[in-house]
Amino acid sequence: MKKSLLIWAVLVCPAAIADNEQLATMIPAESLEWMQEGGPPFAVAWSEDDGAHGRFVRFPPGFSSPIHIHSHDYHGIVVKGVMDNPMGEEEDAIDLPPGSAYFVPGNSIHKTRCVSDTPCLFYVHQNAAFDLIVQQ
């Protein structure tokens, strides 16, 4: 079994690597380019021409976004601080400490909050362009 795996790695993997046009990318945290466009600061980790992207977002302690929707699904991971993500009229959203993951379906009314006394940092992965549509 080990011998066949080794043969596969030697014969197949170099061809797969040669055919792959993408290169590995490493971005140390201190090299992220932080921006602010009318909302909390964010840094794009990666993006595609179709709008798909991954970004880090910073919230100050106690920050709450307005009630809003995004047109497309997204996944989030809490890196620092404690957040919550109440959906609709939810009052008792669960706390999301560092290492927590969450998913928000597109067009779901929600808000995103930093509920800790320390700043929050989270990562968002979305297979579409970012949008935020504030709800009244």
C-alpha atoms as a PDB file:
ATOM      1  CA  MET A   1       0.000   0.000   0.000  1.00  0.00           C
ATOM      2  CA  LYS A   2       2.764   2.469   0.935  1.00  0.00           C
ATOM      3  CA  LYS A   3       4.687   1.624  -2.251  1.00  0.00           C
ATOM      4  CA  SER A   4       1.675   2.367  -4.493  1.00  0.00           C
ATOM      5  CA  LEU A   5       1.111   5.679  -2.683  1.00  0.00           C
ATOM      6  CA  LEU A   6       4.737   6.616  -3.220  1.00  0.00           C
ATOM      7  CA  ILE A   7       4.522   5.727  -6.933  1.00  0.00           C
ATOM      8  CA  TRP A   8       1.360   7.842  -7.253  1.00  0.00           C
ATOM      9  CA  ALA A   9       3.026  10.804  -5.507  1.00  0.00           C
ATOM     10  CA  VAL A  10       6.116  10.602  -7.718  1.00  0.00           C
ATOM     11  CA  LEU A  11       4.290  10.105 -11.021  1.00  0.00           C
ATOM     12  CA  VAL A  12       1.028  12.011 -10.647  1.00  0.00           C
ATOM     13  CA  CYS A  13       1.698  14.947  -8.306  1.00  0.00           C
ATOM     14  CA  PRO A  14       4.383  16.694 -10.417  1.00  0.00           C
ATOM     15  CA  ALA A  15       2.036  16.613 -13.411  1.00  0.00           C
ATOM     16  CA  ALA A  16      -0.794  18.041 -11.329  1.00  0.00           C
ATOM     17  CA  ILE A  17       1.463  20.804 -10.049  1.00  0.00           C
ATOM     18  CA  ALA A  18       2.730  21.595 -13.550  1.00  0.00           C
ATOM     19  CA  ASP A  19      -0.844  21.872 -14.886  1.00  0.00           C
ATOM     20  CA  ASN A  20      -1.993  24.130 -12.044  1.00  0.00           C
ATOM     21  CA  GLU A  21      -1.682  27.795 -13.045  1.00  0.00           C
ATOM     22  CA  GLN A  22      -2.128  29.076  -9.497  1.00  0.00           C
ATOM     23  CA  LEU A  23       0.787  29.519  -7.160  1.00  0.00           C
ATOM     24  CA  ALA A  24       0.750  29.166  -3.415  1.00  0.00           C
ATOM     25  CA  THR A  25       0.259  32.534  -1.716  1.00  0.00           C
ATOM     26  CA  MET A  26       1.383  33.453   1.779  1.00  0.00           C
ATOM     27  CA  ILE A  27       0.323  36.743   3.406  1.00  0.00           C
ATOM     28  CA  PRO A  28       1.733  37.378   6.887  1.00  0.00           C
ATOM     29  CA  ALA A  29      -0.718  39.229   9.145  1.00  0.00           C
ATOM     30  CA  GLU A  30       1.495  42.320   9.236  1.00  0.00           C
ATOM     31  CA  SER A  31       1.348  42.497   5.419  1.00  0.00           C
ATOM     32  CA  LEU A  32      -2.454  42.696   5.174  1.00  0.00           C
ATOM     33  CA  GLU A  33      -3.618  45.990   3.664  1.00  0.00           C
ATOM     34  CA  TRP A  34      -6.370  47.409   5.885  1.00  0.00           C
ATOM     35  CA  MET A  35      -9.027  49.633   4.283  1.00  0.00           C
ATOM     36  CA  GLN A  36     -12.119  51.428   5.456  1.00  0.00           C
ATOM     37  CA  GLU A  37     -14.930  52.275   3.057  1.00  0.00           C
ATOM     38  CA  GLY A  38     -17.786  53.663   5.144  1.00  0.00           C
ATOM     39  CA  GLY A  39     -17.797  50.816   7.655  1.00  0.00           C
ATOM     40  CA  PRO A  40     -15.424  48.890   9.913  1.00  0.00           C
ATOM     41  CA  PRO A  41     -11.845  48.289   8.729  1.00  0.00           C
ATOM     42  CA  PHE A  42     -11.240  45.219   6.550  1.00  0.00           C
ATOM     43  CA  ALA A  43      -8.377  43.535   4.735  1.00  0.00           C
ATOM     44  CA  VAL A  44      -8.896  41.391   1.644  1.00  0.00           C
ATOM     45  CA  ALA A  45      -7.054  38.073   1.927  1.00  0.00           C
ATOM     46  CA  TRP A  46      -8.026  36.919  -1.571  1.00  0.00           C
ATOM     47  CA  SER A  47     -10.472  37.808  -4.316  1.00  0.00           C
ATOM     48  CA  GLU A  48     -11.540  36.499  -7.703  1.00  0.00           C
ATOM     49  CA  ASP A  49     -12.726  38.342 -10.811  1.00  0.00           C
ATOM     50  CA  ASP A  50     -16.307  37.149 -10.183  1.00  0.00           C
ATOM     51  CA  GLY A  51     -16.343  38.858  -6.756  1.00  0.00           C
ATOM     52  CA  ALA A  52     -15.743  35.762  -4.624  1.00  0.00           C
ATOM     53  CA  HIS A  53     -13.506  36.765  -1.732  1.00  0.00           C
ATOM     54  CA  GLY A  54     -12.143  36.219   1.737  1.00  0.00           C
ATOM     55  CA  ARG A  55     -11.613  39.144   4.088  1.00  0.00           C
ATOM     56  CA  PHE A  56     -10.716  39.928   7.658  1.00  0.00           C
ATOM     57  CA  VAL A  57     -12.894  42.484   9.450  1.00  0.00           C
ATOM     58  CA  ARG A  58     -12.245  44.410  12.680  1.00  0.00           C
ATOM     59  CA  PHE A  59     -14.996  45.561  15.033  1.00  0.00           C
ATOM     60  CA  PRO A  60     -14.317  47.742  18.087  1.00  0.00           C
ATOM     61  CA  PRO A  61     -15.649  46.517  21.445  1.00  0.00           C
ATOM     62  CA  GLY A  62     -19.425  46.870  21.669  1.00  0.00           C
ATOM     63  CA  PHE A  63     -19.869  47.539  17.918  1.00  0.00           C
ATOM     64  CA  SER A  64     -23.161  46.515  16.304  1.00  0.00           C
ATOM     65  CA  SER A  65     -23.824  46.634  12.597  1.00  0.00           C
ATOM     66  CA  PRO A  66     -27.190  47.931  11.428  1.00  0.00           C
ATOM     67  CA  ILE A  67     -29.830  45.314  10.658  1.00  0.00           C
ATOM     68  CA  HIS A  68     -29.000  44.217   7.121  1.00  0.00           C
ATOM     69  CA  ILE A  69     -28.878  41.469   4.509  1.00  0.00           C
ATOM     70  CA  HIS A  70     -26.281  40.231   2.047  1.00  0.00           C
ATOM     71  CA  SER A  71     -27.438  38.969  -1.360  1.00  0.00           C
ATOM     72  CA  HIS A  72     -25.357  35.795  -1.057  1.00  0.00           C
ATOM     73  CA  ASP A  73     -24.447  33.203   1.573  1.00  0.00           C
ATOM     74  CA  TYR A  74     -21.304  33.674   3.608  1.00  0.00           C
ATOM     75  CA  HIS A  75     -19.255  31.825   6.215  1.00  0.00           C
ATOM     76  CA  GLY A  76     -17.469  33.502   9.119  1.00  0.00           C
ATOM     77  CA  ILE A  77     -14.824  32.492  11.636  1.00  0.00           C
ATOM     78  CA  VAL A  78     -14.139  34.460  14.814  1.00  0.00           C
ATOM     79  CA  VAL A  79     -10.409  35.051  15.312  1.00  0.00           C
ATOM     80  CA  LYS A  80     -10.378  37.448  18.324  1.00  0.00           C
ATOM     81  CA  GLY A  81     -12.976  38.798  20.721  1.00  0.00           C
ATOM     82  CA  VAL A  82     -16.496  37.479  21.265  1.00  0.00           C
ATOM     83  CA  MET A  83     -19.162  38.088  18.655  1.00  0.00           C
ATOM     84  CA  ASP A  84     -22.755  37.210  18.036  1.00  0.00           C
ATOM     85  CA  ASN A  85     -24.880  37.277  14.920  1.00  0.00           C
ATOM     86  CA  PRO A  86     -28.577  37.649  15.837  1.00  0.00           C
ATOM     87  CA  MET A  87     -30.901  36.599  13.032  1.00  0.00           C
ATOM     88  CA  GLY A  88     -34.145  38.479  12.411  1.00  0.00           C
ATOM     89  CA  GLU A  89     -35.666  39.622  15.701  1.00  0.00           C
ATOM     90  CA  GLU A  90     -33.570  37.222  17.763  1.00  0.00           C
ATOM     91  CA  GLU A  91     -32.719  38.705  21.159  1.00  0.00           C
ATOM     92  CA  ASP A  92     -30.603  35.967  22.740  1.00  0.00           C
ATOM     93  CA  ALA A  93     -28.029  35.078  20.087  1.00  0.00           C
ATOM     94  CA  ILE A  94     -25.307  32.696  21.204  1.00  0.00           C
ATOM     95  CA  ASP A  95     -21.831  34.029  21.946  1.00  0.00           C
ATOM     96  CA  LEU A  96     -19.159  33.123  19.426  1.00  0.00           C
ATOM     97  CA  PRO A  97     -15.685  33.104  21.048  1.00  0.00           C
ATOM     98  CA  PRO A  98     -12.436  32.777  19.042  1.00  0.00           C
ATOM     99  CA  GLY A  99     -12.422  29.665  16.873  1.00  0.00           C
ATOM    100  CA  SER A 100     -16.205  29.735  16.391  1.00  0.00           C
ATOM    101  CA  ALA A 101     -17.673  29.403  12.908  1.00  0.00           C
ATOM    102  CA  TYR A 102     -20.999  30.622  11.576  1.00  0.00           C
ATOM    103  CA  PHE A 103     -23.008  30.624   8.340  1.00  0.00           C
ATOM    104  CA  VAL A 104     -25.511  33.217   7.153  1.00  0.00           C
ATOM    105  CA  PRO A 105     -27.732  32.343   4.171  1.00  0.00           C
ATOM    106  CA  GLY A 106     -28.153  35.019   1.525  1.00  0.00           C
ATOM    107  CA  ASN A 107     -31.016  37.481   2.060  1.00  0.00           C
ATOM    108  CA  SER A 108     -31.252  36.633   5.783  1.00  0.00           C
ATOM    109  CA  ILE A 109     -31.995  39.631   7.998  1.00  0.00           C
ATOM    110  CA  HIS A 110     -29.362  39.858  10.740  1.00  0.00           C
ATOM    111  CA  LYS A 111     -26.836  42.047  12.477  1.00  0.00           C
ATOM    112  CA  THR A 112     -23.269  41.294  13.475  1.00  0.00           C
ATOM    113  CA  ARG A 113     -21.896  42.434  16.828  1.00  0.00           C
ATOM    114  CA  CYS A 114     -18.713  42.489  18.874  1.00  0.00           C
ATOM    115  CA  VAL A 115     -20.069  41.709  22.350  1.00  0.00           C
ATOM    116  CA  SER A 116     -16.710  41.572  24.154  1.00  0.00           C
ATOM    117  CA  ASP A 117     -14.819  44.298  25.998  1.00  0.00           C
ATOM    118  CA  THR A 118     -11.938  43.714  23.586  1.00  0.00           C
ATOM    119  CA  PRO A 119     -11.839  44.329  19.814  1.00  0.00           C
ATOM    120  CA  CYS A 120     -13.140  41.594  17.523  1.00  0.00           C
ATOM    121  CA  LEU A 121     -11.478  40.193  14.436  1.00  0.00           C
ATOM    122  CA  PHE A 122     -13.245  37.776  12.140  1.00  0.00           C
ATOM    123  CA  TYR A 123     -12.755  36.210   8.727  1.00  0.00           C
ATOM    124  CA  VAL A 124     -15.503  36.023   6.091  1.00  0.00           C
ATOM    125  CA  HIS A 125     -15.559  33.718   3.051  1.00  0.00           C
ATOM    126  CA  GLN A 126     -18.106  34.504   0.334  1.00  0.00           C
ATOM    127  CA  ASN A 127     -18.449  33.043  -3.165  1.00  0.00           C
ATOM    128  CA  ALA A 128     -19.821  36.317  -4.536  1.00  0.00           C
ATOM    129  CA  ALA A 129     -19.127  40.042  -4.387  1.00  0.00           C
ATOM    130  CA  PHE A 130     -19.651  41.734  -1.023  1.00  0.00           C
ATOM    131  CA  ASP A 131     -22.795  43.773  -0.512  1.00  0.00           C
ATOM    132  CA  LEU A 132     -24.592  45.044   2.586  1.00  0.00           C
ATOM    133  CA  ILE A 133     -28.193  46.169   2.236  1.00  0.00           C
ATOM    134  CA  VAL A 134     -29.431  48.002   5.347  1.00  0.00           C
ATOM    135  CA  GLN A 135     -32.986  47.122   6.378  1.00  0.00           C
ATOM    136  CA  GLN A 136     -35.345  49.703   7.843  1.00  0.00           C
END
